[in-house]
C-alpha atoms as a PDB file:
ATOM      1  CA  MET A   1      81.299 -87.140  32.412  1.00  0.00           C
ATOM      2  CA  LYS A   2      84.461 -89.067  33.109  1.00  0.00           C
ATOM      3  CA  ARG A   3      82.572 -91.284  35.555  1.00  0.00           C
ATOM      4  CA  ASN A   4      79.814 -91.955  33.004  1.00  0.00           C
ATOM      5  CA  HIS A   5      82.442 -92.740  30.391  1.00  0.00           C
ATOM      6  CA  ASN A   6      84.071 -95.288  32.696  1.00  0.00           C
ATOM      7  CA  ILE A   7      80.697 -96.871  33.463  1.00  0.00           C
ATOM      8  CA  LEU A   8      79.951 -97.158  29.750  1.00  0.00           C
ATOM      9  CA  ILE A   9      83.301 -98.856  29.124  1.00  0.00           C
ATOM     10  CA  ALA A  10      82.670-101.291  31.983  1.00  0.00           C
ATOM     11  CA  VAL A  11      79.204-102.154  30.655  1.00  0.00           C
ATOM     12  CA  LEU A  12      80.471-102.697  27.121  1.00  0.00           C
ATOM     13  CA  THR A  13      83.345-104.841  28.403  1.00  0.00           C
ATOM     14  CA  GLY A  14      80.907-106.935  30.421  1.00  0.00           C
ATOM     15  CA  LEU A  15      78.649-107.447  27.433  1.00  0.00           C
ATOM     16  CA  ALA A  16      81.624-108.500  25.311  1.00  0.00           C
ATOM     17  CA  ILE A  17      82.607-111.094  27.921  1.00  0.00           C
ATOM     18  CA  VAL A  18      79.035-112.421  28.087  1.00  0.00           C
ATOM     19  CA  PHE A  19      78.803-112.771  24.306  1.00  0.00           C
ATOM     20  CA  THR A  20      82.224-114.455  24.182  1.00  0.00           C
ATOM     21  CA  ILE A  21      81.250-116.996  26.850  1.00  0.00           C
ATOM     22  CA  SER A  22      77.933-117.625  25.097  1.00  0.00           C
ATOM     23  CA  ALA A  23      79.652-118.223  21.769  1.00  0.00           C
ATOM     24  CA  CYS A  24      82.119-120.639  23.381  1.00  0.00           C
ATOM     25  CA  GLN A  25      79.285-122.553  25.029  1.00  0.00           C
ATOM     26  CA  LYS A  26      77.422-122.873  21.729  1.00  0.00           C
ATOM     27  CA  SER A  27      80.501-124.117  19.862  1.00  0.00           C
ATOM     28  CA  PHE A  28      81.528-126.615  22.544  1.00  0.00           C
ATOM     29  CA  ASP A  29      80.849-130.173  21.407  1.00  0.00           C
ATOM     30  CA  PRO A  30      81.116-132.701  24.257  1.00  0.00           C
ATOM     31  CA  LYS A  31      81.524-135.548  21.745  1.00  0.00           C
ATOM     32  CA  SER A  32      84.768-134.046  20.502  1.00  0.00           C
ATOM     33  CA  TYR A  33      86.223-134.310  24.009  1.00  0.00           C
ATOM     34  CA  ALA A  34      84.932-137.811  24.756  1.00  0.00           C
ATOM     35  CA  PRO A  35      87.783-140.325  25.061  1.00  0.00           C
ATOM     36  CA  LYS A  36      87.934-142.793  22.170  1.00  0.00           C
ATOM     37  CA  LYS A  37      87.333-146.409  23.058  1.00  0.00           C
ATOM     38  CA  PRO A  38      90.303-148.626  22.211  1.00  0.00           C
ATOM     39  CA  ALA A  39      89.764-151.064  19.337  1.00  0.00           C
ATOM     40  CA  PRO A  40      88.869-154.563  20.580  1.00  0.00           C
ATOM     41  CA  THR A  41      91.668-157.098  20.762  1.00  0.00           C
ATOM     42  CA  PHE A  42      91.501-160.799  19.970  1.00  0.00           C
ATOM     43  CA  GLY A  43      93.691-163.208  21.864  1.00  0.00           C
ATOM     44  CA  GLY A  44      95.717-160.232  23.045  1.00  0.00           C
ATOM     45  CA  TYR A  45      96.382-159.036  19.478  1.00  0.00           C
ATOM     46  CA  SER A  46      95.183-155.754  17.978  1.00  0.00           C
ATOM     47  CA  SER A  47      96.558-156.339  14.455  1.00  0.00           C
ATOM     48  CA  SER A  48      96.974-159.410  12.248  1.00  0.00           C
ATOM     49  CA  SER A  49     100.599-158.390  11.648  1.00  0.00           C
ATOM     50  CA  GLN A  50     101.359-159.029  15.339  1.00  0.00           C
ATOM     51  CA  ILE A  51     100.494-162.722  15.173  1.00  0.00           C
ATOM     52  CA  GLU A  52     103.691-164.812  15.083  1.00  0.00           C
ATOM     53  CA  ALA A  53     105.424-162.140  13.015  1.00  0.00           C
ATOM     54  CA  ASP A  54     108.810-163.870  13.328  1.00  0.00           C
ATOM     55  CA  SER A  55     107.347-167.109  11.940  1.00  0.00           C
ATOM     56  CA  LEU A  56     105.660-165.561   8.898  1.00  0.00           C
ATOM     57  CA  VAL A  57     107.652-166.766   5.870  1.00  0.00           C
ATOM     58  CA  ALA A  58     105.334-165.646   3.048  1.00  0.00           C
ATOM     59  CA  TYR A  59     102.532-163.114   2.721  1.00  0.00           C
ATOM     60  CA  TRP A  60     100.604-162.131  -0.390  1.00  0.00           C
ATOM     61  CA  ASN A  61      98.153-159.301   0.266  1.00  0.00           C
ATOM     62  CA  PHE A  62      97.324-158.841  -3.453  1.00  0.00           C
ATOM     63  CA  SER A  63      97.211-155.050  -3.113  1.00  0.00           C
ATOM     64  CA  ASN A  64      97.430-154.682  -6.891  1.00  0.00           C
ATOM     65  CA  THR A  65     100.591-156.772  -6.833  1.00  0.00           C
ATOM     66  CA  LEU A  66     101.665-160.422  -6.814  1.00  0.00           C
ATOM     67  CA  THR A  67     104.707-159.714  -4.658  1.00  0.00           C
ATOM     68  CA  ASP A  68     105.344-161.757  -1.522  1.00  0.00           C
ATOM     69  CA  SER A  69     105.813-159.086   1.156  1.00  0.00           C
ATOM     70  CA  ILE A  70     108.338-161.221   3.060  1.00  0.00           C
ATOM     71  CA  SER A  71     110.725-162.458   0.351  1.00  0.00           C
ATOM     72  CA  LYS A  72     109.946-159.586  -2.066  1.00  0.00           C
ATOM     73  CA  LEU A  73     109.697-162.171  -4.859  1.00  0.00           C
ATOM     74  CA  THR A  74     106.923-161.532  -7.355  1.00  0.00           C
ATOM     75  CA  GLY A  75     104.994-163.295 -10.092  1.00  0.00           C
ATOM     76  CA  THR A  76     102.986-163.016 -13.281  1.00  0.00           C
ATOM     77  CA  ALA A  77      99.245-163.143 -13.907  1.00  0.00           C
ATOM     78  CA  THR A  78      97.470-164.896 -16.759  1.00  0.00           C
ATOM     79  CA  ASN A  79      93.886-163.862 -17.572  1.00  0.00           C
ATOM     80  CA  SER A  80      93.437-162.636 -14.015  1.00  0.00           C
ATOM     81  CA  SER A  81      93.286-159.252 -12.335  1.00  0.00           C
ATOM     82  CA  PHE A  82      92.583-157.532  -9.013  1.00  0.00           C
ATOM     83  CA  ALA A  83      89.224-156.676  -7.461  1.00  0.00           C
ATOM     84  CA  ALA A  84      87.781-155.686  -4.087  1.00  0.00           C
ATOM     85  CA  GLY A  85      88.958-158.116  -1.410  1.00  0.00           C
ATOM     86  CA  ILE A  86      88.285-158.883   2.230  1.00  0.00           C
ATOM     87  CA  PHE A  87      90.171-155.642   2.786  1.00  0.00           C
ATOM     88  CA  GLY A  88      91.900-153.804  -0.004  1.00  0.00           C
ATOM     89  CA  PRO A  89      92.333-155.446  -3.425  1.00  0.00           C
ATOM     90  CA  ALA A  90      92.350-159.223  -3.975  1.00  0.00           C
ATOM     91  CA  TYR A  91      93.369-161.646  -6.713  1.00  0.00           C
ATOM     92  CA  GLN A  92      90.493-162.030  -9.185  1.00  0.00           C
ATOM     93  CA  GLY A  93      90.488-165.244 -11.175  1.00  0.00           C
ATOM     94  CA  SER A  94      88.615-166.292 -14.292  1.00  0.00           C
ATOM     95  CA  LEU A  95      87.681-169.445 -16.187  1.00  0.00           C
ATOM     96  CA  THR A  96      91.161-169.387 -17.732  1.00  0.00           C
ATOM     97  CA  GLY A  97      92.996-167.356 -15.111  1.00  0.00           C
ATOM     98  CA  TYR A  98      95.816-168.066 -12.673  1.00  0.00           C
ATOM     99  CA  ALA A  99      98.907-166.484 -11.166  1.00  0.00           C
ATOM    100  CA  VAL A 100     102.403-167.966 -10.880  1.00  0.00           C
ATOM    101  CA  CYS A 101     104.757-166.542  -8.253  1.00  0.00           C
ATOM    102  CA  LYS A 102     108.347-167.343  -7.401  1.00  0.00           C
ATOM    103  CA  SER A 103     108.793-169.343  -4.204  1.00  0.00           C
ATOM    104  CA  SER A 104     111.346-168.559  -1.510  1.00  0.00           C
ATOM    105  CA  PRO A 105     113.907-170.834   0.179  1.00  0.00           C
ATOM    106  CA  ALA A 106     111.880-170.431   3.386  1.00  0.00           C
ATOM    107  CA  LEU A 107     108.873-172.099   1.740  1.00  0.00           C
ATOM    108  CA  ALA A 108     111.032-174.906   0.371  1.00  0.00           C
ATOM    109  CA  ALA A 109     112.414-175.559   3.869  1.00  0.00           C
ATOM    110  CA  LEU A 110     109.059-175.947   5.639  1.00  0.00           C
ATOM    111  CA  GLN A 111     108.836-178.988   7.904  1.00  0.00           C
ATOM    112  CA  LYS A 112     105.616-177.927   9.605  1.00  0.00           C
ATOM    113  CA  PHE A 113     103.440-174.979   8.697  1.00  0.00           C
ATOM    114  CA  THR A 114     100.213-173.029   8.857  1.00  0.00           C
ATOM    115  CA  ALA A 115      98.642-171.505   5.745  1.00  0.00           C
ATOM    116  CA  SER A 116      95.815-168.979   5.898  1.00  0.00           C
ATOM    117  CA  VAL A 117      93.828-168.088   2.768  1.00  0.00           C
ATOM    118  CA  TRP A 118      90.679-166.047   2.144  1.00  0.00           C
ATOM    119  CA  VAL A 119      88.574-167.390  -0.745  1.00  0.00           C
ATOM    120  CA  ASN A 120      85.370-166.181  -2.380  1.00  0.00           C
ATOM    121  CA  THR A 121      84.163-168.410  -5.197  1.00  0.00           C
ATOM    122  CA  THR A 122      81.348-170.543  -6.522  1.00  0.00           C
ATOM    123  CA  PRO A 123      81.547-174.345  -6.164  1.00  0.00           C
ATOM    124  CA  PRO A 124      83.282-176.344  -8.901  1.00  0.00           C
ATOM    125  CA  THR A 125      81.109-177.210 -11.885  1.00  0.00           C
ATOM    126  CA  THR A 126      83.561-178.298 -14.584  1.00  0.00           C
ATOM    127  CA  GLY A 127      86.559-179.321 -12.482  1.00  0.00           C
ATOM    128  CA  LEU A 128      88.227-178.974  -9.094  1.00  0.00           C
ATOM    129  CA  LEU A 129      89.196-175.464  -7.978  1.00  0.00           C
ATOM    130  CA  ASP A 130      92.714-175.022  -6.611  1.00  0.00           C
ATOM    131  CA  TYR A 131      93.437-171.988  -4.436  1.00  0.00           C
ATOM    132  CA  PHE A 132      97.061-172.520  -3.309  1.00  0.00           C
ATOM    133  CA  THR A 133      99.925-174.677  -4.567  1.00  0.00           C
ATOM    134  CA  LEU A 134     103.630-174.950  -3.822  1.00  0.00           C
ATOM    135  CA  SER A 135     104.590-176.842  -6.937  1.00  0.00           C
ATOM    136  CA  ASN A 136     106.755-179.898  -7.481  1.00  0.00           C
ATOM    137  CA  THR A 137     108.440-179.739 -10.879  1.00  0.00           C
ATOM    138  CA  VAL A 138     108.496-183.527 -11.294  1.00  0.00           C
ATOM    139  CA  ASN A 139     105.521-185.108  -9.522  1.00  0.00           C
ATOM    140  CA  PHE A 140     101.839-185.072 -10.474  1.00  0.00           C
ATOM    141  CA  TRP A 141     100.742-183.194  -7.339  1.00  0.00           C
ATOM    142  CA  GLY A 142     102.556-180.274  -5.791  1.00  0.00           C
ATOM    143  CA  ASN A 143     104.527-180.309  -2.559  1.00  0.00           C
ATOM    144  CA  VAL A 144     101.464-178.566  -1.118  1.00  0.00           C
ATOM    145  CA  GLU A 145      98.213-178.403  -3.058  1.00  0.00           C
ATOM    146  CA  MET A 146      94.924-177.061  -1.661  1.00  0.00           C
ATOM    147  CA  PHE A 147      91.627-177.225  -3.538  1.00  0.00           C
ATOM    148  CA  PHE A 148      87.864-177.704  -3.551  1.00  0.00           C
ATOM    149  CA  ASP A 149      87.293-181.101  -5.137  1.00  0.00           C
ATOM    150  CA  ASN A 150      84.706-182.190  -7.657  1.00  0.00           C
ATOM    151  CA  GLY A 151      81.399-183.120  -6.068  1.00  0.00           C
ATOM    152  CA  SER A 152      81.332-180.013  -3.891  1.00  0.00           C
ATOM    153  CA  THR A 153      77.963-178.249  -3.732  1.00  0.00           C
ATOM    154  CA  ASN A 154      76.679-174.851  -2.618  1.00  0.00           C
ATOM    155  CA  THR A 155      76.197-176.276   0.867  1.00  0.00           C
ATOM    156  CA  ASP A 156      79.115-178.702   1.169  1.00  0.00           C
ATOM    157  CA  ALA A 157      82.760-178.297   0.119  1.00  0.00           C
ATOM    158  CA  HIS A 158      85.074-181.253  -0.404  1.00  0.00           C
ATOM    159  CA  VAL A 159      88.342-179.702   0.795  1.00  0.00           C
ATOM    160  CA  ARG A 160      91.432-181.639  -0.251  1.00  0.00           C
ATOM    161  CA  ILE A 161      95.017-180.856   0.742  1.00  0.00           C
ATOM    162  CA  HIS A 162      97.973-182.772  -0.696  1.00  0.00           C
ATOM    163  CA  LEU A 163     101.252-182.822   1.239  1.00  0.00           C
ATOM    164  CA  SER A 164     104.553-184.219   0.023  1.00  0.00           C
ATOM    165  CA  GLN A 165     107.209-185.936   2.079  1.00  0.00           C
ATOM    166  CA  SER A 166     110.329-187.018   0.190  1.00  0.00           C
ATOM    167  CA  GLY A 167     108.297-187.474  -2.982  1.00  0.00           C
ATOM    168  CA  THR A 168     105.387-189.405  -1.474  1.00  0.00           C
ATOM    169  CA  ASP A 169     101.909-187.897  -1.809  1.00  0.00           C
ATOM    170  CA  ASN A 170      99.579-187.745   1.182  1.00  0.00           C
ATOM    171  CA  THR A 171      96.031-186.361   1.286  1.00  0.00           C
ATOM    172  CA  PHE A 172      94.023-184.646   4.021  1.00  0.00           C
ATOM    173  CA  ALA A 173      90.294-184.619   3.273  1.00  0.00           C
ATOM    174  CA  ALA A 174      87.444-182.770   4.970  1.00  0.00           C
ATOM    175  CA  GLU A 175      83.796-182.036   4.230  1.00  0.00           C
ATOM    176  CA  VAL A 176      83.103-178.426   5.151  1.00  0.00           C
ATOM    177  CA  PRO A 177      79.736-176.646   4.830  1.00  0.00           C
ATOM    178  CA  GLY A 178      79.367-172.986   3.898  1.00  0.00           C
ATOM    179  CA  CYS A 179      82.540-172.428   1.866  1.00  0.00           C
ATOM    180  CA  PHE A 180      81.041-170.899  -1.274  1.00  0.00           C
ATOM    181  CA  ASN A 181      79.438-167.730  -2.660  1.00  0.00           C
ATOM    182  CA  GLY A 182      81.009-165.407  -0.105  1.00  0.00           C
ATOM    183  CA  TRP A 183      84.270-164.698   1.691  1.00  0.00           C
ATOM    184  CA  VAL A 184      85.564-167.516   3.911  1.00  0.00           C
ATOM    185  CA  ASN A 185      88.876-167.828   5.720  1.00  0.00           C
ATOM    186  CA  LEU A 186      90.505-171.266   5.565  1.00  0.00           C
ATOM    187  CA  ILE A 187      93.477-171.950   7.828  1.00  0.00           C
ATOM    188  CA  PHE A 188      95.298-175.281   7.615  1.00  0.00           C
ATOM    189  CA  SER A 189      98.145-176.481   9.807  1.00  0.00           C
ATOM    190  CA  TYR A 190     100.419-179.513   9.750  1.00  0.00           C
ATOM    191  CA  ASP A 191     102.493-180.541  12.766  1.00  0.00           C
ATOM    192  CA  VAL A 192     105.486-182.914  12.747  1.00  0.00           C
ATOM    193  CA  THR A 193     103.411-185.358  14.784  1.00  0.00           C
ATOM    194  CA  GLY A 194     101.252-185.728  11.671  1.00  0.00           C
ATOM    195  CA  ALA A 195      98.359-183.791  13.191  1.00  0.00           C
ATOM    196  CA  CYS A 196      96.368-181.686  10.720  1.00  0.00           C
ATOM    197  CA  THR A 197      93.813-179.026  11.631  1.00  0.00           C
ATOM    198  CA  LEU A 198      91.495-177.112   9.321  1.00  0.00           C
ATOM    199  CA  TYR A 199      89.808-173.924  10.509  1.00  0.00           C
ATOM    200  CA  MET A 200      87.019-172.057   8.763  1.00  0.00           C
ATOM    201  CA  ASN A 201      86.354-168.494   9.888  1.00  0.00           C
ATOM    202  CA  GLY A 202      88.402-168.972  13.023  1.00  0.00           C
ATOM    203  CA  LYS A 203      86.809-172.227  14.179  1.00  0.00           C
ATOM    204  CA  SER A 204      88.213-175.736  13.894  1.00  0.00           C
ATOM    205  CA  VAL A 205      86.066-177.725  11.453  1.00  0.00           C
ATOM    206  CA  ALA A 206      88.243-180.800  10.854  1.00  0.00           C
ATOM    207  CA  THR A 207      91.194-182.588  12.413  1.00  0.00           C
ATOM    208  CA  GLY A 208      93.045-185.750  11.500  1.00  0.00           C
ATOM    209  CA  LYS A 209      95.961-186.902   9.383  1.00  0.00           C
ATOM    210  CA  ALA A 210      96.992-186.841   5.755  1.00  0.00           C
ATOM    211  CA  GLY A 211      96.888-190.580   5.250  1.00  0.00           C
ATOM    212  CA  THR A 212      99.728-192.133   7.253  1.00  0.00           C
ATOM    213  CA  LEU A 213     101.950-189.053   7.016  1.00  0.00           C
ATOM    214  CA  THR A 214     103.965-188.223  10.118  1.00  0.00           C
ATOM    215  CA  GLY A 215     107.233-186.472  10.879  1.00  0.00           C
ATOM    216  CA  PRO A 216     108.781-183.362   9.317  1.00  0.00           C
ATOM    217  CA  LEU A 217     107.789-182.534   5.758  1.00  0.00           C
ATOM    218  CA  VAL A 218     110.550-182.901   3.178  1.00  0.00           C
ATOM    219  CA  PHE A 219     109.772-181.059  -0.044  1.00  0.00           C
ATOM    220  CA  GLN A 220     111.532-181.971  -3.281  1.00  0.00           C
ATOM    221  CA  ASN A 221     111.844-180.315  -6.687  1.00  0.00           C
ATOM    222  CA  VAL A 222     110.273-177.158  -5.321  1.00  0.00           C
ATOM    223  CA  GLY A 223     108.969-174.868  -8.034  1.00  0.00           C
ATOM    224  CA  ASN A 224     106.681-171.860  -8.158  1.00  0.00           C
ATOM    225  CA  VAL A 225     103.659-170.944  -6.090  1.00  0.00           C
ATOM    226  CA  VAL A 226     100.412-171.104  -8.061  1.00  0.00           C
ATOM    227  CA  PHE A 227      97.130-169.355  -7.282  1.00  0.00           C
ATOM    228  CA  GLY A 228      93.890-170.183  -9.072  1.00  0.00           C
ATOM    229  CA  CYS A 229      94.580-173.618 -10.576  1.00  0.00           C
ATOM    230  CA  THR A 230      96.569-176.821 -10.128  1.00  0.00           C
ATOM    231  CA  GLN A 231     100.259-176.953 -10.969  1.00  0.00           C
ATOM    232  CA  PHE A 232      99.510-178.950 -14.121  1.00  0.00           C
ATOM    233  CA  THR A 233      96.770-176.608 -15.402  1.00  0.00           C
ATOM    234  CA  THR A 234      99.086-173.661 -16.093  1.00  0.00           C
ATOM    235  CA  VAL A 235     100.425-173.147 -19.605  1.00  0.00           C
ATOM    236  CA  PRO A 236     103.000-174.535 -19.739  1.00  0.00           C
ATOM    237  CA  SER A 237     102.535-176.985 -16.871  1.00  0.00           C
ATOM    238  CA  GLN A 238     104.619-176.349 -13.745  1.00  0.00           C
ATOM    239  CA  THR A 239     105.500-180.054 -13.611  1.00  0.00           C
ATOM    240  CA  ALA A 240     106.930-182.634 -15.967  1.00  0.00           C
ATOM    241  CA  GLY A 241     104.611-185.095 -14.238  1.00  0.00           C
ATOM    242  CA  SER A 242     101.449-184.066 -16.066  1.00  0.00           C
ATOM    243  CA  GLY A 243      99.748-181.685 -18.426  1.00  0.00           C
ATOM    244  CA  ALA A 244      96.231-180.275 -18.112  1.00  0.00           C
ATOM    245  CA  GLN A 245      93.470-182.622 -16.966  1.00  0.00           C
ATOM    246  CA  PRO A 246      89.769-182.294 -17.937  1.00  0.00           C
ATOM    247  CA  TRP A 247      88.642-182.698 -14.313  1.00  0.00           C
ATOM    248  CA  ALA A 248      90.665-179.703 -13.069  1.00  0.00           C
ATOM    249  CA  ALA A 249      89.423-176.163 -13.747  1.00  0.00           C
ATOM    250  CA  ASN A 250      90.468-172.589 -12.960  1.00  0.00           C
ATOM    251  CA  LEU A 251      89.094-170.819  -9.905  1.00  0.00           C
ATOM    252  CA  PRO A 252      86.797-168.022 -11.184  1.00  0.00           C
ATOM    253  CA  GLY A 253      86.493-166.235  -7.846  1.00  0.00           C
ATOM    254  CA  LYS A 254      88.807-164.284  -5.574  1.00  0.00           C
ATOM    255  CA  ILE A 255      91.756-165.066  -3.286  1.00  0.00           C
ATOM    256  CA  ASP A 256      93.103-162.704  -0.641  1.00  0.00           C
ATOM    257  CA  GLN A 257      95.467-162.338   2.327  1.00  0.00           C
ATOM    258  CA  VAL A 258      97.551-165.498   1.910  1.00  0.00           C
ATOM    259  CA  ARG A 259      99.895-166.063   4.837  1.00  0.00           C
ATOM    260  CA  VAL A 260     102.273-168.977   5.425  1.00  0.00           C
ATOM    261  CA  TYR A 261     103.963-169.564   8.792  1.00  0.00           C
ATOM    262  CA  ASN A 262     106.757-172.022   9.565  1.00  0.00           C
ATOM    263  CA  LYS A 263     105.011-173.078  12.749  1.00  0.00           C
ATOM    264  CA  VAL A 264     101.615-174.359  13.834  1.00  0.00           C
ATOM    265  CA  LEU A 265      99.332-171.562  14.990  1.00  0.00           C
ATOM    266  CA  SER A 266      97.340-172.262  18.125  1.00  0.00           C
ATOM    267  CA  ALA A 267      93.542-172.275  18.034  1.00  0.00           C
ATOM    268  CA  ASN A 268      93.636-168.916  19.799  1.00  0.00           C
ATOM    269  CA  GLU A 269      95.961-167.466  17.154  1.00  0.00           C
ATOM    270  CA  ALA A 270      93.909-168.871  14.271  1.00  0.00           C
ATOM    271  CA  SER A 271      90.774-167.300  15.721  1.00  0.00           C
ATOM    272  CA  ALA A 272      92.531-163.974  16.260  1.00  0.00           C
ATOM    273  CA  LEU A 273      93.905-163.967  12.713  1.00  0.00           C
ATOM    274  CA  TYR A 274      90.446-164.499  11.231  1.00  0.00           C
ATOM    275  CA  ASN A 275      88.769-161.870  13.391  1.00  0.00           C
ATOM    276  CA  LEU A 276      91.416-159.208  12.826  1.00  0.00           C
ATOM    277  CA  GLU A 277      91.624-159.702   9.065  1.00  0.00           C
ATOM    278  CA  ASN A 278      87.835-159.725   8.901  1.00  0.00           C
ATOM    279  CA  LEU A 279      87.956-156.234  10.441  1.00  0.00           C
ATOM    280  CA  GLY A 280      90.657-155.083   8.033  1.00  0.00           C
ATOM    281  CA  ARG A 281      93.291-155.033  10.747  1.00  0.00           C
END
């Protein structure tokens, strides 16, 4: 009897082991043990925050705030809000909307720079559409003023960028297709040699000069940063040089991920910045 009892225990133990192994085999999921592929890098970067981090002097991500993440200075919105952006929330304009933000000493001191802006808007119909301005409190145009000019169409944008040097106004102009009715990334750089480069979605689309401008930029009477309209369209105007003009309107679309660097990004860095932000990284 004792021997039979031992045999029975051995058999039951064996069956328990078999069932345990079977259960483990059924619950094993090979996919859960597969190594994860690393996220692709662009130009050696895996995150947009890695690109020339020490040279980034202003960054508005519009994550339900108008605060510049670098200087911590903030702003106020007029008839504008936040909506879904290229990743996270974005500034949402309107036919009467704009945002005015305090500028930092680092912006006022720029001698060369790169500015990256994501824009999603329709072409201008009642007046030019300004997407970024570093205002001048005295002159007609800002120290930096970037906009889509009148005459732009669904297929062709007249991009205009005004740059100030010791009070003189200088204009960079480019005709760029495919800028409207969807998200586009526009990156503009100015070098002290006078060289200007405009990138759209990571690719260079225009090079040249802003008139005869050369040498370091020298900004004067630096005021606020404006998103969504010209410096003279806000109420009250940001400049004593002009009030509202009938040929300048408010940008009704969206603006997102505005970065300003105090250096000129390389073509490789501009491409990486576009690709990484486009992936939400």
